[in-house]
Amino acid sequence: MQMRQAELDSEIETEKDTEQLLHEFRQQIKKITNLDTDDERILKPIIQSLIHTVEIGVDGSIKQIHYNFAAPSFIGA
């Protein structure tokens, strides 16, 4: 019984951590959407900081985008 309680507590903590990371990621996205610029030199590093990897298919199409939830860094954050 105590072991199950410890497992559930661990899952709850993991969920809280994930929620916090997601909240921080959303905040970074809000900052980007509020930018009023078409300057690629500014936008490119910001967008790159939010994306971890992009999987490309054999045909050149984007298969999957892996976002950087764990540590999104944003200029001016």
C-alpha atoms as a PDB file:
ATOM      1  CA  MET A   1       0.000   0.000   0.000  1.00  0.00           C
ATOM      2  CA  GLN A   2       2.787   2.442   0.925  1.00  0.00           C
ATOM      3  CA  MET A   3       4.668   1.554  -2.249  1.00  0.00           C
ATOM      4  CA  ARG A   4       1.611   2.376  -4.356  1.00  0.00           C
ATOM      5  CA  GLN A   5       1.208   5.679  -2.496  1.00  0.00           C
ATOM      6  CA  ALA A   6       4.839   6.550  -3.252  1.00  0.00           C
ATOM      7  CA  GLU A   7       4.298   5.716  -6.941  1.00  0.00           C
ATOM      8  CA  LEU A   8       1.216   7.928  -7.085  1.00  0.00           C
ATOM      9  CA  ASP A   9       3.031  10.769  -5.325  1.00  0.00           C
ATOM     10  CA  SER A  10       5.851  10.474  -7.843  1.00  0.00           C
ATOM     11  CA  GLU A  11       3.417  10.582 -10.751  1.00  0.00           C
ATOM     12  CA  ILE A  12       1.749  13.675  -9.298  1.00  0.00           C
ATOM     13  CA  GLU A  13       5.107  15.445  -8.961  1.00  0.00           C
ATOM     14  CA  THR A  14       6.025  14.524 -12.530  1.00  0.00           C
ATOM     15  CA  GLU A  15       2.688  15.893 -13.726  1.00  0.00           C
ATOM     16  CA  LYS A  16       3.260  19.140 -11.811  1.00  0.00           C
ATOM     17  CA  ASP A  17       6.732  19.485 -13.347  1.00  0.00           C
ATOM     18  CA  THR A  18       5.325  18.882 -16.826  1.00  0.00           C
ATOM     19  CA  GLU A  19       2.579  21.441 -16.262  1.00  0.00           C
ATOM     20  CA  GLN A  20       5.150  24.010 -15.110  1.00  0.00           C
ATOM     21  CA  LEU A  21       7.335  23.413 -18.170  1.00  0.00           C
ATOM     22  CA  LEU A  22       4.318  23.678 -20.441  1.00  0.00           C
ATOM     23  CA  HIS A  23       3.280  26.926 -18.759  1.00  0.00           C
ATOM     24  CA  GLU A  24       6.760  28.386 -19.263  1.00  0.00           C
ATOM     25  CA  PHE A  25       6.744  27.273 -22.906  1.00  0.00           C
ATOM     26  CA  ARG A  26       3.363  28.953 -23.456  1.00  0.00           C
ATOM     27  CA  GLN A  27       4.711  32.153 -21.907  1.00  0.00           C
ATOM     28  CA  GLN A  28       7.599  32.107 -24.392  1.00  0.00           C
ATOM     29  CA  ILE A  29       5.148  31.600 -27.257  1.00  0.00           C
ATOM     30  CA  LYS A  30       3.101  34.583 -26.056  1.00  0.00           C
ATOM     31  CA  LYS A  31       6.229  36.742 -26.087  1.00  0.00           C
ATOM     32  CA  ILE A  32       6.958  35.690 -29.653  1.00  0.00           C
ATOM     33  CA  THR A  33       3.435  36.319 -30.877  1.00  0.00           C
ATOM     34  CA  ASN A  34       3.572  39.818 -29.403  1.00  0.00           C
ATOM     35  CA  LEU A  35       6.692  40.679 -31.394  1.00  0.00           C
ATOM     36  CA  ASP A  36       6.012  43.043 -34.255  1.00  0.00           C
ATOM     37  CA  THR A  37       8.848  42.264 -36.614  1.00  0.00           C
ATOM     38  CA  ASP A  38       9.483  40.649 -39.960  1.00  0.00           C
ATOM     39  CA  ASP A  39      13.246  40.692 -39.398  1.00  0.00           C
ATOM     40  CA  GLU A  40      14.415  37.103 -39.948  1.00  0.00           C
ATOM     41  CA  ARG A  41      17.636  37.792 -38.023  1.00  0.00           C
ATOM     42  CA  ILE A  42      15.532  38.334 -34.901  1.00  0.00           C
ATOM     43  CA  LEU A  43      12.885  35.662 -35.433  1.00  0.00           C
ATOM     44  CA  LYS A  44      15.158  32.793 -36.485  1.00  0.00           C
ATOM     45  CA  PRO A  45      17.098  32.356 -33.199  1.00  0.00           C
ATOM     46  CA  ILE A  46      13.910  32.775 -31.180  1.00  0.00           C
ATOM     47  CA  ILE A  47      12.092  30.060 -33.081  1.00  0.00           C
ATOM     48  CA  GLN A  48      15.158  27.812 -33.018  1.00  0.00           C
ATOM     49  CA  SER A  49      15.285  28.056 -29.231  1.00  0.00           C
ATOM     50  CA  LEU A  50      11.777  26.595 -29.020  1.00  0.00           C
ATOM     51  CA  ILE A  51      12.430  23.600 -31.282  1.00  0.00           C
ATOM     52  CA  HIS A  52      14.594  20.677 -30.217  1.00  0.00           C
ATOM     53  CA  THR A  53      14.520  18.593 -33.415  1.00  0.00           C
ATOM     54  CA  VAL A  54      12.512  18.211 -36.592  1.00  0.00           C
ATOM     55  CA  GLU A  55      12.069  14.795 -38.186  1.00  0.00           C
ATOM     56  CA  ILE A  56      12.023  14.941 -41.976  1.00  0.00           C
ATOM     57  CA  GLY A  57      10.549  12.176 -44.115  1.00  0.00           C
ATOM     58  CA  VAL A  58      12.244  10.644 -47.146  1.00  0.00           C
ATOM     59  CA  ASP A  59      10.031  12.789 -49.367  1.00  0.00           C
ATOM     60  CA  GLY A  60      11.182  15.953 -47.577  1.00  0.00           C
ATOM     61  CA  SER A  61       7.979  16.457 -45.599  1.00  0.00           C
ATOM     62  CA  ILE A  62       8.026  17.240 -41.888  1.00  0.00           C
ATOM     63  CA  LYS A  63       7.153  14.079 -39.974  1.00  0.00           C
ATOM     64  CA  GLN A  64       7.326  15.403 -36.440  1.00  0.00           C
ATOM     65  CA  ILE A  65       8.527  18.445 -34.519  1.00  0.00           C
ATOM     66  CA  HIS A  66      10.000  17.932 -31.041  1.00  0.00           C
ATOM     67  CA  TYR A  67       9.660  21.119 -29.031  1.00  0.00           C
ATOM     68  CA  ASN A  68      12.082  22.234 -26.337  1.00  0.00           C
ATOM     69  CA  PHE A  69       9.703  22.191 -23.359  1.00  0.00           C
ATOM     70  CA  ALA A  70      12.461  21.480 -20.862  1.00  0.00           C
ATOM     71  CA  ALA A  71      14.516  24.632 -21.316  1.00  0.00           C
ATOM     72  CA  PRO A  72      13.158  27.120 -23.806  1.00  0.00           C
ATOM     73  CA  SER A  73      15.472  30.072 -23.780  1.00  0.00           C
ATOM     74  CA  PHE A  74      14.262  33.313 -25.217  1.00  0.00           C
ATOM     75  CA  ILE A  75      16.135  36.491 -25.898  1.00  0.00           C
ATOM     76  CA  GLY A  76      14.960  39.013 -23.344  1.00  0.00           C
ATOM     77  CA  ALA A  77      13.280  36.444 -21.103  1.00  0.00           C
END
